[in-house]
């Protein structure tokens, strides 16, 4: 759980790990049974193609779920209206 005393880097790292785990589970739910079937049939070429697709979709889900990268010394600021 995030506490106010946690450094921002720790919170960011935990959110990245959570995003990675969630992305692999989301994409794995679709591709793992397909990979298992191809493995049992002995189709090495299609097994490689589907494994690369799994990684690509997993990367897409990770980018979608991960927090935006923050620069080293950047502090979040409130939104302001330009006058």
N, C-alpha and C. Protein backbone atom coordinates (compact mmCIF):
# COMPACT_ATOMS: atom_id res chain seq x y z
N UNK A 1 0.83 -1.17 0.00
CA UNK A 1 0.00 0.00 0.00
C UNK A 1 0.88 1.24 0.00
N UNK A 2 0.47 2.24 -0.72
CA UNK A 2 1.23 3.48 -0.78
C UNK A 2 1.00 4.30 0.47
N UNK A 3 2.08 4.72 1.08
CA UNK A 3 1.99 5.62 2.21
C UNK A 3 2.66 6.93 1.82
N UNK A 4 2.30 8.03 2.47
CA UNK A 4 2.90 9.31 2.12
C UNK A 4 4.41 9.33 2.30
N UNK A 5 4.96 8.46 3.15
CA UNK A 5 6.39 8.48 3.38
C UNK A 5 7.18 7.73 2.30
N UNK A 6 6.51 6.96 1.44
CA UNK A 6 7.20 6.25 0.37
C UNK A 6 7.77 7.24 -0.64
N UNK A 7 9.01 7.04 -1.06
CA UNK A 7 9.55 7.90 -2.11
C UNK A 7 8.79 7.68 -3.42
N UNK A 8 8.70 8.69 -4.27
CA UNK A 8 7.97 8.53 -5.54
C UNK A 8 8.55 7.43 -6.41
N UNK A 9 9.86 7.17 -6.31
CA UNK A 9 10.47 6.12 -7.14
C UNK A 9 9.94 4.74 -6.76
N UNK A 10 9.73 4.53 -5.45
CA UNK A 10 9.20 3.24 -5.01
C UNK A 10 7.77 3.03 -5.50
N UNK A 11 6.96 4.07 -5.40
CA UNK A 11 5.57 3.96 -5.87
C UNK A 11 5.55 3.71 -7.37
N UNK A 12 6.40 4.43 -8.11
CA UNK A 12 6.46 4.27 -9.57
C UNK A 12 6.88 2.85 -9.91
N UNK A 13 7.88 2.34 -9.23
CA UNK A 13 8.38 0.98 -9.50
C UNK A 13 7.30 -0.07 -9.22
N UNK A 14 6.58 0.08 -8.11
CA UNK A 14 5.51 -0.87 -7.80
C UNK A 14 4.40 -0.83 -8.84
N UNK A 15 4.06 0.38 -9.31
CA UNK A 15 3.02 0.49 -10.34
C UNK A 15 3.49 -0.13 -11.65
N UNK A 16 4.77 -0.01 -11.98
CA UNK A 16 5.30 -0.63 -13.19
C UNK A 16 5.24 -2.16 -13.09
N UNK A 17 5.59 -2.69 -11.93
CA UNK A 17 5.54 -4.15 -11.74
C UNK A 17 4.10 -4.64 -11.84
N UNK A 18 3.18 -3.92 -11.22
CA UNK A 18 1.77 -4.29 -11.31
C UNK A 18 1.27 -4.23 -12.75
N UNK A 19 1.66 -3.20 -13.50
CA UNK A 19 1.25 -3.08 -14.90
C UNK A 19 1.82 -4.23 -15.73
N UNK A 20 3.08 -4.60 -15.50
CA UNK A 20 3.69 -5.70 -16.24
C UNK A 20 2.97 -7.01 -15.94
N UNK A 21 2.70 -7.28 -14.66
CA UNK A 21 2.03 -8.52 -14.28
C UNK A 21 0.63 -8.58 -14.88
N UNK A 22 -0.09 -7.49 -14.81
CA UNK A 22 -1.44 -7.45 -15.36
C UNK A 22 -1.43 -7.63 -16.87
N UNK A 23 -0.48 -7.00 -17.54
CA UNK A 23 -0.39 -7.12 -19.00
C UNK A 23 -0.09 -8.55 -19.43
N UNK A 24 0.82 -9.23 -18.72
CA UNK A 24 1.15 -10.60 -19.09
C UNK A 24 -0.02 -11.55 -18.81
N UNK A 25 -0.78 -11.29 -17.75
CA UNK A 25 -1.96 -12.12 -17.47
C UNK A 25 -3.03 -11.89 -18.53
N UNK A 26 -3.27 -10.62 -18.88
CA UNK A 26 -4.29 -10.31 -19.89
C UNK A 26 -3.95 -10.94 -21.23
N UNK A 27 -2.71 -10.76 -21.67
CA UNK A 27 -2.34 -11.32 -22.96
C UNK A 27 -2.17 -12.84 -22.88
N UNK A 28 -1.72 -13.34 -21.73
CA UNK A 28 -1.54 -14.77 -21.56
C UNK A 28 -2.84 -15.55 -21.58
N UNK A 29 -3.92 -14.93 -21.13
CA UNK A 29 -5.22 -15.60 -21.15
C UNK A 29 -5.63 -15.95 -22.58
N UNK A 30 -5.20 -15.14 -23.52
CA UNK A 30 -5.53 -15.40 -24.92
C UNK A 30 -4.51 -16.32 -25.59
N UNK A 31 -3.23 -16.06 -25.34
CA UNK A 31 -2.19 -16.75 -26.11
C UNK A 31 -1.67 -18.04 -25.48
N UNK A 32 -1.75 -18.21 -24.17
CA UNK A 32 -1.20 -19.41 -23.54
C UNK A 32 -1.86 -20.71 -24.03
N UNK A 33 -3.20 -20.79 -24.11
CA UNK A 33 -3.79 -22.03 -24.64
C UNK A 33 -3.40 -22.30 -26.10
N UNK A 34 -3.30 -21.23 -26.87
CA UNK A 34 -2.90 -21.37 -28.27
C UNK A 34 -1.46 -21.89 -28.37
N UNK A 35 -0.57 -21.33 -27.54
CA UNK A 35 0.82 -21.79 -27.53
C UNK A 35 0.92 -23.25 -27.09
N UNK A 36 0.13 -23.62 -26.09
CA UNK A 36 0.17 -25.00 -25.61
C UNK A 36 -0.27 -25.98 -26.70
N UNK A 37 -1.31 -25.61 -27.44
CA UNK A 37 -1.78 -26.46 -28.52
C UNK A 37 -0.72 -26.60 -29.61
N UNK A 38 -0.10 -25.49 -29.98
CA UNK A 38 0.95 -25.54 -30.99
C UNK A 38 2.15 -26.34 -30.51
N UNK A 39 2.49 -26.25 -29.25
CA UNK A 39 3.60 -27.01 -28.68
C UNK A 39 3.31 -28.51 -28.75
N UNK A 40 2.08 -28.89 -28.40
CA UNK A 40 1.72 -30.30 -28.43
C UNK A 40 1.68 -30.86 -29.84
N UNK A 41 1.33 -30.01 -30.83
CA UNK A 41 1.32 -30.45 -32.22
C UNK A 41 2.72 -30.46 -32.83
N UNK A 42 3.69 -29.82 -32.18
CA UNK A 42 5.06 -29.82 -32.68
C UNK A 42 5.31 -28.79 -33.76
N UNK A 43 4.51 -27.76 -33.85
CA UNK A 43 4.65 -26.73 -34.87
C UNK A 43 5.57 -25.62 -34.36
N UNK A 44 6.86 -25.76 -34.62
CA UNK A 44 7.85 -24.83 -34.09
C UNK A 44 7.71 -23.45 -34.73
N UNK A 45 7.50 -23.38 -36.03
CA UNK A 45 7.41 -22.08 -36.72
C UNK A 45 6.23 -21.26 -36.19
N UNK A 46 5.06 -21.86 -36.13
CA UNK A 46 3.89 -21.13 -35.65
C UNK A 46 3.97 -20.86 -34.15
N UNK A 47 4.62 -21.74 -33.42
CA UNK A 47 4.86 -21.51 -32.00
C UNK A 47 5.68 -20.23 -31.80
N UNK A 48 6.70 -20.06 -32.61
CA UNK A 48 7.52 -18.85 -32.54
C UNK A 48 6.73 -17.61 -32.92
N UNK A 49 5.92 -17.70 -33.96
CA UNK A 49 5.11 -16.56 -34.40
C UNK A 49 4.12 -16.15 -33.30
N UNK A 50 3.44 -17.12 -32.70
CA UNK A 50 2.45 -16.82 -31.67
C UNK A 50 3.14 -16.29 -30.41
N UNK A 51 4.32 -16.81 -30.07
CA UNK A 51 5.05 -16.31 -28.91
C UNK A 51 5.44 -14.84 -29.13
N UNK A 52 5.86 -14.48 -30.31
CA UNK A 52 6.18 -13.08 -30.61
C UNK A 52 4.93 -12.19 -30.57
N UNK A 53 3.80 -12.74 -31.03
CA UNK A 53 2.55 -11.98 -30.94
C UNK A 53 2.16 -11.77 -29.47
N UNK A 54 2.37 -12.78 -28.64
CA UNK A 54 2.06 -12.66 -27.21
C UNK A 54 2.90 -11.54 -26.58
N UNK A 55 4.18 -11.51 -26.91
CA UNK A 55 5.04 -10.45 -26.38
C UNK A 55 4.62 -9.07 -26.89
N UNK A 56 4.22 -8.98 -28.15
CA UNK A 56 3.81 -7.70 -28.71
C UNK A 56 2.52 -7.20 -28.04
N UNK A 57 1.55 -8.07 -27.90
CA UNK A 57 0.30 -7.68 -27.25
C UNK A 57 0.54 -7.37 -25.77
N UNK A 58 1.41 -8.14 -25.13
CA UNK A 58 1.76 -7.86 -23.74
C UNK A 58 2.43 -6.50 -23.59
N UNK A 59 3.28 -6.14 -24.53
CA UNK A 59 3.94 -4.83 -24.51
C UNK A 59 2.91 -3.71 -24.71
N UNK A 60 1.96 -3.93 -25.61
CA UNK A 60 0.91 -2.95 -25.83
C UNK A 60 0.10 -2.74 -24.55
N UNK A 61 -0.30 -3.84 -23.90
CA UNK A 61 -1.07 -3.74 -22.66
C UNK A 61 -0.26 -3.05 -21.57
N UNK A 62 1.04 -3.34 -21.51
CA UNK A 62 1.89 -2.69 -20.51
C UNK A 62 1.94 -1.18 -20.74
N UNK A 63 2.13 -0.76 -21.99
CA UNK A 63 2.18 0.67 -22.29
C UNK A 63 0.85 1.34 -21.96
N UNK A 64 -0.21 0.61 -22.12
CA UNK A 64 -1.54 1.13 -21.84
C UNK A 64 -1.78 1.28 -20.34
N UNK A 65 -1.24 0.34 -19.53
CA UNK A 65 -1.49 0.32 -18.10
C UNK A 65 -0.43 1.02 -17.26
N UNK A 66 0.79 1.11 -17.75
CA UNK A 66 1.90 1.64 -16.95
C UNK A 66 1.76 3.14 -16.72
N UNK A 67 2.26 3.60 -15.59
CA UNK A 67 2.23 5.04 -15.34
C UNK A 67 3.21 5.74 -16.27
N UNK A 68 2.94 7.00 -16.61
CA UNK A 68 3.87 7.71 -17.47
C UNK A 68 5.21 7.91 -16.77
N UNK A 69 6.27 7.85 -17.53
CA UNK A 69 7.61 8.03 -16.98
C UNK A 69 7.79 9.49 -16.57
N UNK A 70 8.38 9.67 -15.41
CA UNK A 70 8.62 11.01 -14.92
C UNK A 70 10.11 11.28 -14.96
N UNK A 71 10.48 12.50 -15.28
CA UNK A 71 11.89 12.87 -15.30
C UNK A 71 12.42 12.86 -13.87
N UNK A 72 13.72 12.76 -13.74
CA UNK A 72 14.36 12.55 -12.44
C UNK A 72 13.97 13.58 -11.39
N UNK A 73 14.10 14.85 -11.68
CA UNK A 73 13.87 15.89 -10.67
C UNK A 73 12.57 16.65 -10.90
N UNK A 74 11.67 16.06 -11.61
CA UNK A 74 10.41 16.73 -11.94
C UNK A 74 9.39 16.48 -10.83
N UNK A 75 8.71 17.52 -10.42
CA UNK A 75 7.65 17.41 -9.42
C UNK A 75 6.32 17.63 -10.11
N UNK A 76 5.29 16.88 -9.74
CA UNK A 76 3.99 17.12 -10.34
C UNK A 76 3.44 18.49 -9.91
N UNK A 77 2.82 19.17 -10.85
CA UNK A 77 2.26 20.49 -10.55
C UNK A 77 0.78 20.47 -10.87
N UNK A 78 0.05 21.35 -10.21
CA UNK A 78 -1.38 21.46 -10.45
C UNK A 78 -1.60 22.11 -11.82
N UNK A 79 -2.71 21.77 -12.43
CA UNK A 79 -3.06 22.38 -13.71
C UNK A 79 -3.43 23.84 -13.49
N UNK A 80 -2.95 24.69 -14.36
CA UNK A 80 -3.25 26.13 -14.24
C UNK A 80 -3.77 26.65 -15.56
N UNK A 81 -4.58 27.65 -15.46
CA UNK A 81 -5.07 28.29 -16.68
C UNK A 81 -4.10 29.39 -17.08
N UNK A 82 -3.89 29.47 -18.38
CA UNK A 82 -3.03 30.55 -18.90
C UNK A 82 -3.87 31.80 -19.08
N UNK A 83 -3.41 32.91 -18.55
CA UNK A 83 -4.14 34.18 -18.71
C UNK A 83 -3.53 34.99 -19.82
